[in-house]
PDB file of N, CA and C in Angstrom:
ATOM      1  N   MET A   1       0.432 -13.653  41.070  1.00  0.00           N
ATOM      2  CA  MET A   1      -0.749 -12.930  40.661  1.00  0.00           C
ATOM      3  C   MET A   1      -1.783 -12.902  41.761  1.00  0.00           C
ATOM      4  N   GLY A   2      -1.778 -13.861  42.656  1.00  0.00           N
ATOM      5  CA  GLY A   2      -2.756 -13.929  43.709  1.00  0.00           C
ATOM      6  C   GLY A   2      -2.466 -12.962  44.848  1.00  0.00           C
ATOM      7  N   GLU A   3      -1.289 -12.372  44.885  1.00  0.00           N
ATOM      8  CA  GLU A   3      -0.932 -11.457  45.948  1.00  0.00           C
ATOM      9  C   GLU A   3      -1.668 -10.133  45.761  1.00  0.00           C
ATOM     10  N   SER A   4      -2.114  -9.583  46.884  1.00  0.00           N
ATOM     11  CA  SER A   4      -2.779  -8.289  46.845  1.00  0.00           C
ATOM     12  C   SER A   4      -1.810  -7.246  47.394  1.00  0.00           C
ATOM     13  N   ILE A   5      -1.518  -6.274  46.598  1.00  0.00           N
ATOM     14  CA  ILE A   5      -0.610  -5.211  46.989  1.00  0.00           C
ATOM     15  C   ILE A   5      -1.454  -4.031  47.430  1.00  0.00           C
ATOM     16  N   SER A   6      -1.199  -3.554  48.666  1.00  0.00           N
ATOM     17  CA  SER A   6      -1.987  -2.418  49.140  1.00  0.00           C
ATOM     18  C   SER A   6      -1.483  -1.147  48.475  1.00  0.00           C
ATOM     19  N   ILE A   7      -2.400  -0.285  48.195  1.00  0.00           N
ATOM     20  CA  ILE A   7      -2.088   0.970  47.513  1.00  0.00           C
ATOM     21  C   ILE A   7      -1.986   2.077  48.565  1.00  0.00           C
ATOM     22  N   THR A   8      -0.949   2.866  48.476  1.00  0.00           N
ATOM     23  CA  THR A   8      -0.741   3.950  49.432  1.00  0.00           C
ATOM     24  C   THR A   8      -1.566   5.168  49.043  1.00  0.00           C
ATOM     25  N   HIS A   9      -1.663   6.098  49.974  1.00  0.00           N
ATOM     26  CA  HIS A   9      -2.396   7.333  49.706  1.00  0.00           C
ATOM     27  C   HIS A   9      -1.745   8.104  48.549  1.00  0.00           C
ATOM     28  N   SER A  10      -0.415   8.122  48.507  1.00  0.00           N
ATOM     29  CA  SER A  10       0.265   8.843  47.418  1.00  0.00           C
ATOM     30  C   SER A  10       0.017   8.176  46.068  1.00  0.00           C
ATOM     31  N   ASP A  11      -0.113   6.850  46.069  1.00  0.00           N
ATOM     32  CA  ASP A  11      -0.440   6.145  44.820  1.00  0.00           C
ATOM     33  C   ASP A  11      -1.861   6.481  44.365  1.00  0.00           C
ATOM     34  N   LYS A  12      -2.789   6.537  45.326  1.00  0.00           N
ATOM     35  CA  LYS A  12      -4.160   6.924  44.979  1.00  0.00           C
ATOM     36  C   LYS A  12      -4.184   8.345  44.431  1.00  0.00           C
ATOM     37  N   GLN A  13      -3.377   9.217  45.024  1.00  0.00           N
ATOM     38  CA  GLN A  13      -3.326  10.601  44.559  1.00  0.00           C
ATOM     39  C   GLN A  13      -2.764  10.664  43.139  1.00  0.00           C
ATOM     40  N   LEU A  14      -1.757   9.848  42.839  1.00  0.00           N
ATOM     41  CA  LEU A  14      -1.174   9.798  41.500  1.00  0.00           C
ATOM     42  C   LEU A  14      -2.222   9.349  40.474  1.00  0.00           C
ATOM     43  N   ILE A  15      -3.005   8.332  40.834  1.00  0.00           N
ATOM     44  CA  ILE A  15      -4.058   7.853  39.939  1.00  0.00           C
ATOM     45  C   ILE A  15      -5.138   8.915  39.780  1.00  0.00           C
ATOM     46  N   SER A  16      -5.499   9.594  40.877  1.00  0.00           N
ATOM     47  CA  SER A  16      -6.501  10.659  40.808  1.00  0.00           C
ATOM     48  C   SER A  16      -6.021  11.809  39.918  1.00  0.00           C
ATOM     49  N   ASN A  17      -4.738  12.150  40.025  1.00  0.00           N
ATOM     50  CA  ASN A  17      -4.177  13.203  39.172  1.00  0.00           C
ATOM     51  C   ASN A  17      -4.246  12.809  37.704  1.00  0.00           C
ATOM     52  N   LEU A  18      -3.973  11.537  37.411  1.00  0.00           N
ATOM     53  CA  LEU A  18      -4.079  11.046  36.043  1.00  0.00           C
ATOM     54  C   LEU A  18      -5.519  11.173  35.549  1.00  0.00           C
ATOM     55  N   ALA A  19      -6.471  10.809  36.404  1.00  0.00           N
ATOM     56  CA  ALA A  19      -7.885  10.911  36.039  1.00  0.00           C
ATOM     57  C   ALA A  19      -8.259  12.363  35.750  1.00  0.00           C
ATOM     58  N   GLU A  20      -7.765  13.291  36.561  1.00  0.00           N
ATOM     59  CA  GLU A  20      -8.043  14.718  36.346  1.00  0.00           C
ATOM     60  C   GLU A  20      -7.507  15.189  35.006  1.00  0.00           C
ATOM     61  N   LYS A  21      -6.299  14.765  34.657  1.00  0.00           N
ATOM     62  CA  LYS A  21      -5.716  15.160  33.373  1.00  0.00           C
ATOM     63  C   LYS A  21      -6.515  14.596  32.210  1.00  0.00           C
ATOM     64  N   ILE A  22      -6.963  13.350  32.342  1.00  0.00           N
ATOM     65  CA  ILE A  22      -7.743  12.717  31.284  1.00  0.00           C
ATOM     66  C   ILE A  22      -9.039  13.491  31.057  1.00  0.00           C
ATOM     67  N   VAL A  23      -9.737  13.827  32.135  1.00  0.00           N
ATOM     68  CA  VAL A  23     -11.007  14.543  32.033  1.00  0.00           C
ATOM     69  C   VAL A  23     -10.779  15.959  31.517  1.00  0.00           C
ATOM     70  N   ARG A  24      -9.745  16.627  32.020  1.00  0.00           N
ATOM     71  CA  ARG A  24      -9.449  18.007  31.605  1.00  0.00           C
ATOM     72  C   ARG A  24      -9.185  18.091  30.106  1.00  0.00           C
ATOM     73  N   HIS A  25      -8.571  17.069  29.534  1.00  0.00           N
ATOM     74  CA  HIS A  25      -8.252  17.083  28.102  1.00  0.00           C
ATOM     75  C   HIS A  25      -9.391  16.516  27.250  1.00  0.00           C
ATOM     76  N   GLY A  26     -10.538  16.250  27.865  1.00  0.00           N
ATOM     77  CA  GLY A  26     -11.688  15.761  27.108  1.00  0.00           C
ATOM     78  C   GLY A  26     -11.564  14.335  26.619  1.00  0.00           C
ATOM     79  N   MET A  27     -10.762  13.537  27.300  1.00  0.00           N
ATOM     80  CA  MET A  27     -10.528  12.168  26.863  1.00  0.00           C
ATOM     81  C   MET A  27     -11.204  11.131  27.756  1.00  0.00           C
ATOM     82  N   ALA A  28     -12.211  11.549  28.512  1.00  0.00           N
ATOM     83  CA  ALA A  28     -12.850  10.644  29.469  1.00  0.00           C
ATOM     84  C   ALA A  28     -13.510   9.451  28.776  1.00  0.00           C
ATOM     85  N   ILE A  29     -14.306   9.705  27.765  1.00  0.00           N
ATOM     86  CA  ILE A  29     -15.034   8.622  27.096  1.00  0.00           C
ATOM     87  C   ILE A  29     -14.073   7.634  26.428  1.00  0.00           C
ATOM     88  N   PRO A  30     -13.095   8.100  25.623  1.00  0.00           N
ATOM     89  CA  PRO A  30     -12.158   7.133  25.039  1.00  0.00           C
ATOM     90  C   PRO A  30     -11.364   6.378  26.103  1.00  0.00           C
ATOM     91  N   ALA A  31     -10.995   7.055  27.185  1.00  0.00           N
ATOM     92  CA  ALA A  31     -10.226   6.392  28.250  1.00  0.00           C
ATOM     93  C   ALA A  31     -11.070   5.323  28.935  1.00  0.00           C
ATOM     94  N   ILE A  32     -12.342   5.638  29.196  1.00  0.00           N
ATOM     95  CA  ILE A  32     -13.217   4.660  29.839  1.00  0.00           C
ATOM     96  C   ILE A  32     -13.395   3.441  28.943  1.00  0.00           C
ATOM     97  N   LEU A  33     -13.632   3.674  27.671  1.00  0.00           N
ATOM     98  CA  LEU A  33     -13.792   2.547  26.729  1.00  0.00           C
ATOM     99  C   LEU A  33     -12.534   1.699  26.676  1.00  0.00           C
ATOM    100  N   PHE A  34     -11.387   2.349  26.553  1.00  0.00           N
ATOM    101  CA  PHE A  34     -10.119   1.624  26.471  1.00  0.00           C
ATOM    102  C   PHE A  34      -9.860   0.834  27.752  1.00  0.00           C
ATOM    103  N   LEU A  35     -10.064   1.472  28.909  1.00  0.00           N
ATOM    104  CA  LEU A  35      -9.787   0.809  30.184  1.00  0.00           C
ATOM    105  C   LEU A  35     -10.766  -0.334  30.436  1.00  0.00           C
ATOM    106  N   GLU A  36     -12.024  -0.150  30.078  1.00  0.00           N
ATOM    107  CA  GLU A  36     -13.005  -1.225  30.260  1.00  0.00           C
ATOM    108  C   GLU A  36     -12.660  -2.425  29.374  1.00  0.00           C
ATOM    109  N   MET A  37     -12.255  -2.156  28.144  1.00  0.00           N
ATOM    110  CA  MET A  37     -11.912  -3.247  27.231  1.00  0.00           C
ATOM    111  C   MET A  37     -10.662  -3.989  27.693  1.00  0.00           C
ATOM    112  N   GLY A  38      -9.712  -3.251  28.216  1.00  0.00           N
ATOM    113  CA  GLY A  38      -8.434  -3.877  28.572  1.00  0.00           C
ATOM    114  C   GLY A  38      -8.256  -4.165  30.036  1.00  0.00           C
ATOM    115  N   LYS A  39      -9.315  -3.992  30.829  1.00  0.00           N
ATOM    116  CA  LYS A  39      -9.197  -4.165  32.280  1.00  0.00           C
ATOM    117  C   LYS A  39      -8.668  -5.548  32.648  1.00  0.00           C
ATOM    118  N   TYR A  40      -9.105  -6.567  31.945  1.00  0.00           N
ATOM    119  CA  TYR A  40      -8.705  -7.928  32.281  1.00  0.00           C
ATOM    120  C   TYR A  40      -7.336  -8.287  31.720  1.00  0.00           C
ATOM    121  N   LEU A  41      -6.787  -7.394  30.932  1.00  0.00           N
ATOM    122  CA  LEU A  41      -5.436  -7.572  30.409  1.00  0.00           C
ATOM    123  C   LEU A  41      -4.510  -6.495  30.974  1.00  0.00           C
ATOM    124  N   SER A  42      -4.817  -6.022  32.177  1.00  0.00           N
ATOM    125  CA  SER A  42      -4.093  -4.889  32.746  1.00  0.00           C
ATOM    126  C   SER A  42      -2.597  -5.152  32.866  1.00  0.00           C
ATOM    127  N   PHE A  43      -2.206  -6.367  33.210  1.00  0.00           N
ATOM    128  CA  PHE A  43      -0.791  -6.665  33.340  1.00  0.00           C
ATOM    129  C   PHE A  43      -0.078  -6.479  31.996  1.00  0.00           C
ATOM    130  N   PHE A  44      -0.680  -6.968  30.930  1.00  0.00           N
ATOM    131  CA  PHE A  44      -0.067  -6.840  29.611  1.00  0.00           C
ATOM    132  C   PHE A  44      -0.049  -5.389  29.140  1.00  0.00           C
ATOM    133  N   GLY A  45      -1.095  -4.650  29.472  1.00  0.00           N
ATOM    134  CA  GLY A  45      -1.127  -3.230  29.135  1.00  0.00           C
ATOM    135  C   GLY A  45      -0.037  -2.462  29.835  1.00  0.00           C
ATOM    136  N   ALA A  46       0.192  -2.796  31.109  1.00  0.00           N
ATOM    137  CA  ALA A  46       1.264  -2.141  31.860  1.00  0.00           C
ATOM    138  C   ALA A  46       2.627  -2.487  31.259  1.00  0.00           C
ATOM    139  N   GLN A  47       2.795  -3.720  30.825  1.00  0.00           N
ATOM    140  CA  GLN A  47       4.054  -4.110  30.193  1.00  0.00           C
ATOM    141  C   GLN A  47       4.256  -3.372  28.870  1.00  0.00           C
ATOM    142  N   LEU A  48       3.161  -3.133  28.164  1.00  0.00           N
ATOM    143  CA  LEU A  48       3.229  -2.366  26.918  1.00  0.00           C
ATOM    144  C   LEU A  48       3.631  -0.922  27.206  1.00  0.00           C
ATOM    145  N   MET A  49       3.115  -0.375  28.307  1.00  0.00           N
ATOM    146  CA  MET A  49       3.515   0.982  28.708  1.00  0.00           C
ATOM    147  C   MET A  49       5.016   1.028  28.985  1.00  0.00           C
ATOM    148  N   ILE A  50       5.534   0.012  29.633  1.00  0.00           N
ATOM    149  CA  ILE A  50       6.969  -0.034  29.930  1.00  0.00           C
ATOM    150  C   ILE A  50       7.765  -0.132  28.633  1.00  0.00           C
ATOM    151  N   PHE A  51       7.264  -0.924  27.692  1.00  0.00           N
ATOM    152  CA  PHE A  51       7.948  -1.079  26.403  1.00  0.00           C
ATOM    153  C   PHE A  51       8.065   0.265  25.675  1.00  0.00           C
ATOM    154  N   PHE A  52       6.984   1.047  25.674  1.00  0.00           N
ATOM    155  CA  PHE A  52       6.982   2.341  24.988  1.00  0.00           C
ATOM    156  C   PHE A  52       7.531   3.472  25.854  1.00  0.00           C
ATOM    157  N   GLY A  53       7.898   3.167  27.087  1.00  0.00           N
ATOM    158  CA  GLY A  53       8.392   4.167  28.017  1.00  0.00           C
ATOM    159  C   GLY A  53       9.511   5.052  27.504  1.00  0.00           C
ATOM    160  N   PRO A  54      10.543   4.492  26.890  1.00  0.00           N
ATOM    161  CA  PRO A  54      11.639   5.354  26.425  1.00  0.00           C
ATOM    162  C   PRO A  54      11.203   6.432  25.431  1.00  0.00           C
ATOM    163  N   ILE A  55      10.195   6.157  24.650  1.00  0.00           N
ATOM    164  CA  ILE A  55       9.700   7.151  23.695  1.00  0.00           C
ATOM    165  C   ILE A  55       8.805   8.168  24.393  1.00  0.00           C
ATOM    166  N   ILE A  56       7.892   7.673  25.198  1.00  0.00           N
ATOM    167  CA  ILE A  56       6.895   8.543  25.835  1.00  0.00           C
ATOM    168  C   ILE A  56       7.518   9.446  26.896  1.00  0.00           C
ATOM    169  N   THR A  57       8.517   8.946  27.602  1.00  0.00           N
ATOM    170  CA  THR A  57       9.111   9.746  28.671  1.00  0.00           C
ATOM    171  C   THR A  57       9.941  10.920  28.154  1.00  0.00           C
ATOM    172  N   VAL A  58      10.081  11.023  26.861  1.00  0.00           N
ATOM    173  CA  VAL A  58      10.693  12.219  26.289  1.00  0.00           C
ATOM    174  C   VAL A  58       9.754  13.412  26.516  1.00  0.00           C
ATOM    175  N   PHE A  59       8.451  13.132  26.538  1.00  0.00           N
ATOM    176  CA  PHE A  59       7.446  14.183  26.636  1.00  0.00           C
ATOM    177  C   PHE A  59       6.885  14.391  28.041  1.00  0.00           C
ATOM    178  N   ILE A  60       6.965  13.380  28.894  1.00  0.00           N
ATOM    179  CA  ILE A  60       6.425  13.487  30.250  1.00  0.00           C
ATOM    180  C   ILE A  60       7.455  12.984  31.253  1.00  0.00           C
ATOM    181  N   PRO A  61       7.322  13.362  32.540  1.00  0.00           N
ATOM    182  CA  PRO A  61       8.284  12.918  33.552  1.00  0.00           C
ATOM    183  C   PRO A  61       8.315  11.391  33.663  1.00  0.00           C
ATOM    184  N   PHE A  62       9.500  10.824  33.625  1.00  0.00           N
ATOM    185  CA  PHE A  62       9.620   9.373  33.583  1.00  0.00           C
ATOM    186  C   PHE A  62       9.244   8.704  34.892  1.00  0.00           C
ATOM    187  N   HIS A  63       9.515   9.339  36.037  1.00  0.00           N
ATOM    188  CA  HIS A  63       9.236   8.670  37.313  1.00  0.00           C
ATOM    189  C   HIS A  63       7.750   8.377  37.484  1.00  0.00           C
ATOM    190  N   SER A  64       6.904   9.376  37.256  1.00  0.00           N
ATOM    191  CA  SER A  64       5.464   9.167  37.436  1.00  0.00           C
ATOM    192  C   SER A  64       4.916   8.222  36.365  1.00  0.00           C
ATOM    193  N   TYR A  65       5.465   8.261  35.164  1.00  0.00           N
ATOM    194  CA  TYR A  65       4.999   7.374  34.095  1.00  0.00           C
ATOM    195  C   TYR A  65       5.214   5.913  34.474  1.00  0.00           C
ATOM    196  N   TYR A  66       6.412   5.581  34.934  1.00  0.00           N
ATOM    197  CA  TYR A  66       6.704   4.195  35.296  1.00  0.00           C
ATOM    198  C   TYR A  66       5.962   3.781  36.560  1.00  0.00           C
ATOM    199  N   LYS A  67       5.718   4.710  37.462  1.00  0.00           N
ATOM    200  CA  LYS A  67       4.934   4.395  38.662  1.00  0.00           C
ATOM    201  C   LYS A  67       3.495   4.076  38.267  1.00  0.00           C
ATOM    202  N   ILE A  68       2.924   4.855  37.346  1.00  0.00           N
ATOM    203  CA  ILE A  68       1.566   4.588  36.875  1.00  0.00           C
ATOM    204  C   ILE A  68       1.515   3.239  36.164  1.00  0.00           C
ATOM    205  N   ALA A  69       2.520   2.937  35.350  1.00  0.00           N
ATOM    206  CA  ALA A  69       2.570   1.643  34.668  1.00  0.00           C
ATOM    207  C   ALA A  69       2.581   0.505  35.693  1.00  0.00           C
ATOM    208  N   GLU A  70       3.336   0.683  36.768  1.00  0.00           N
ATOM    209  CA  GLU A  70       3.394  -0.328  37.827  1.00  0.00           C
ATOM    210  C   GLU A  70       2.039  -0.474  38.521  1.00  0.00           C
ATOM    211  N   LEU A  71       1.402   0.650  38.812  1.00  0.00           N
ATOM    212  CA  LEU A  71       0.110   0.620  39.495  1.00  0.00           C
ATOM    213  C   LEU A  71      -0.977  -0.015  38.625  1.00  0.00           C
ATOM    214  N   LEU A  72      -0.938   0.241  37.325  1.00  0.00           N
ATOM    215  CA  LEU A  72      -1.979  -0.267  36.439  1.00  0.00           C
ATOM    216  C   LEU A  72      -1.828  -1.757  36.120  1.00  0.00           C
ATOM    217  N   GLU A  73      -0.780  -2.391  36.654  1.00  0.00           N
ATOM    218  CA  GLU A  73      -0.671  -3.838  36.522  1.00  0.00           C
ATOM    219  C   GLU A  73      -1.763  -4.540  37.319  1.00  0.00           C
ATOM    220  N   ASP A  74      -2.233  -3.876  38.369  1.00  0.00           N
ATOM    221  CA  ASP A  74      -3.255  -4.440  39.246  1.00  0.00           C
ATOM    222  C   ASP A  74      -4.637  -3.999  38.762  1.00  0.00           C
ATOM    223  N   ARG A  75      -5.503  -4.947  38.521  1.00  0.00           N
ATOM    224  CA  ARG A  75      -6.838  -4.664  38.009  1.00  0.00           C
ATOM    225  C   ARG A  75      -7.641  -3.768  38.952  1.00  0.00           C
ATOM    226  N   LYS A  76      -7.392  -3.870  40.257  1.00  0.00           N
ATOM    227  CA  LYS A  76      -8.103  -3.027  41.232  1.00  0.00           C
ATOM    228  C   LYS A  76      -7.757  -1.561  41.022  1.00  0.00           C
ATOM    229  N   ASN A  77      -6.523  -1.290  40.673  1.00  0.00           N
ATOM    230  CA  ASN A  77      -6.111   0.093  40.416  1.00  0.00           C
ATOM    231  C   ASN A  77      -6.712   0.619  39.116  1.00  0.00           C
ATOM    232  N   VAL A  78      -6.864  -0.246  38.136  1.00  0.00           N
ATOM    233  CA  VAL A  78      -7.524   0.145  36.891  1.00  0.00           C
ATOM    234  C   VAL A  78      -8.977   0.500  37.194  1.00  0.00           C
ATOM    235  N   GLU A  79      -9.604  -0.302  38.047  1.00  0.00           N
ATOM    236  CA  GLU A  79     -10.992  -0.021  38.432  1.00  0.00           C
ATOM    237  C   GLU A  79     -11.077   1.292  39.197  1.00  0.00           C
ATOM    238  N   PHE A  80     -10.104   1.557  40.071  1.00  0.00           N
ATOM    239  CA  PHE A  80     -10.070   2.820  40.809  1.00  0.00           C
ATOM    240  C   PHE A  80      -9.940   4.001  39.844  1.00  0.00           C
ATOM    241  N   LEU A  81      -9.087   3.867  38.841  1.00  0.00           N
ATOM    242  CA  LEU A  81      -8.924   4.916  37.836  1.00  0.00           C
ATOM    243  C   LEU A  81     -10.226   5.146  37.078  1.00  0.00           C
ATOM    244  N   LEU A  82     -10.889   4.063  36.703  1.00  0.00           N
ATOM    245  CA  LEU A  82     -12.167   4.187  36.005  1.00  0.00           C
ATOM    246  C   LEU A  82     -13.199   4.946  36.836  1.00  0.00           C
ATOM    247  N   VAL A  83     -13.300   4.607  38.103  1.00  0.00           N
ATOM    248  CA  VAL A  83     -14.265   5.264  38.994  1.00  0.00           C
ATOM    249  C   VAL A  83     -13.926   6.748  39.116  1.00  0.00           C
ATOM    250  N   GLN A  84     -12.635   7.065  39.246  1.00  0.00           N
ATOM    251  CA  GLN A  84     -12.220   8.455  39.362  1.00  0.00           C
ATOM    252  C   GLN A  84     -12.586   9.243  38.101  1.00  0.00           C
ATOM    253  N   ILE A  85     -12.313   8.676  36.944  1.00  0.00           N
ATOM    254  CA  ILE A  85     -12.638   9.345  35.676  1.00  0.00           C
ATOM    255  C   ILE A  85     -14.141   9.566  35.570  1.00  0.00           C
ATOM    256  N   GLU A  86     -14.922   8.530  35.889  1.00  0.00           N
ATOM    257  CA  GLU A  86     -16.374   8.650  35.784  1.00  0.00           C
ATOM    258  C   GLU A  86     -16.915   9.714  36.738  1.00  0.00           C
ATOM    259  N   GLN A  87     -16.406   9.761  37.966  1.00  0.00           N
ATOM    260  CA  GLN A  87     -16.860  10.765  38.933  1.00  0.00           C
ATOM    261  C   GLN A  87     -16.502  12.177  38.471  1.00  0.00           C
ATOM    262  N   LEU A  88     -15.275  12.364  38.009  1.00  0.00           N
ATOM    263  CA  LEU A  88     -14.847  13.686  37.552  1.00  0.00           C
ATOM    264  C   LEU A  88     -15.615  14.125  36.315  1.00  0.00           C
ATOM    265  N   GLU A  89     -15.886  13.202  35.417  1.00  0.00           N
ATOM    266  CA  GLU A  89     -16.647  13.527  34.209  1.00  0.00           C
ATOM    267  C   GLU A  89     -18.083  13.920  34.590  1.00  0.00           C
ATOM    268  N   GLU A  90     -18.658  13.219  35.538  1.00  0.00           N
ATOM    269  CA  GLU A  90     -20.001  13.541  35.995  1.00  0.00           C
ATOM    270  C   GLU A  90     -20.045  14.937  36.642  1.00  0.00           C
ATOM    271  N   MET A  91     -19.030  15.254  37.440  1.00  0.00           N
ATOM    272  CA  MET A  91     -18.949  16.564  38.066  1.00  0.00           C
ATOM    273  C   MET A  91     -18.759  17.658  37.020  1.00  0.00           C
ATOM    274  N   ARG A  92     -17.978  17.381  35.981  1.00  0.00           N
ATOM    275  CA  ARG A  92     -17.734  18.337  34.911  1.00  0.00           C
ATOM    276  C   ARG A  92     -19.017  18.653  34.151  1.00  0.00           C
ATOM    277  N   LYS A  93     -19.840  17.641  33.964  1.00  0.00           N
ATOM    278  CA  LYS A  93     -21.101  17.834  33.224  1.00  0.00           C
ATOM    279  C   LYS A  93     -22.090  18.683  33.984  1.00  0.00           C
ATOM    280  N   LYS A  94     -21.996  18.668  35.319  1.00  0.00           N
ATOM    281  CA  LYS A  94     -22.943  19.453  36.141  1.00  0.00           C
ATOM    282  C   LYS A  94     -22.496  20.832  36.257  1.00  0.00           C
TER     283      LYS A  94
END
């Protein structure tokens, strides 16, 4: 848990794309609340995503879903996602 995994540019882009989809669908506020509440349990949340993966990947591409689940294990990536959602929501309001 003490290891810091560096995030690549493509990983940041994947998280940014997720943030864009969340804001586009009007889910920014619920997503921010959920992520803030579960930020300190990010590893368990990511494991829950993996558990539900077989059901959810029927509707969305499985590769990006599991990559996002892997990225969200790290609390820093959850914080990056939160910042992206907040910035996009602020831009949308203007």
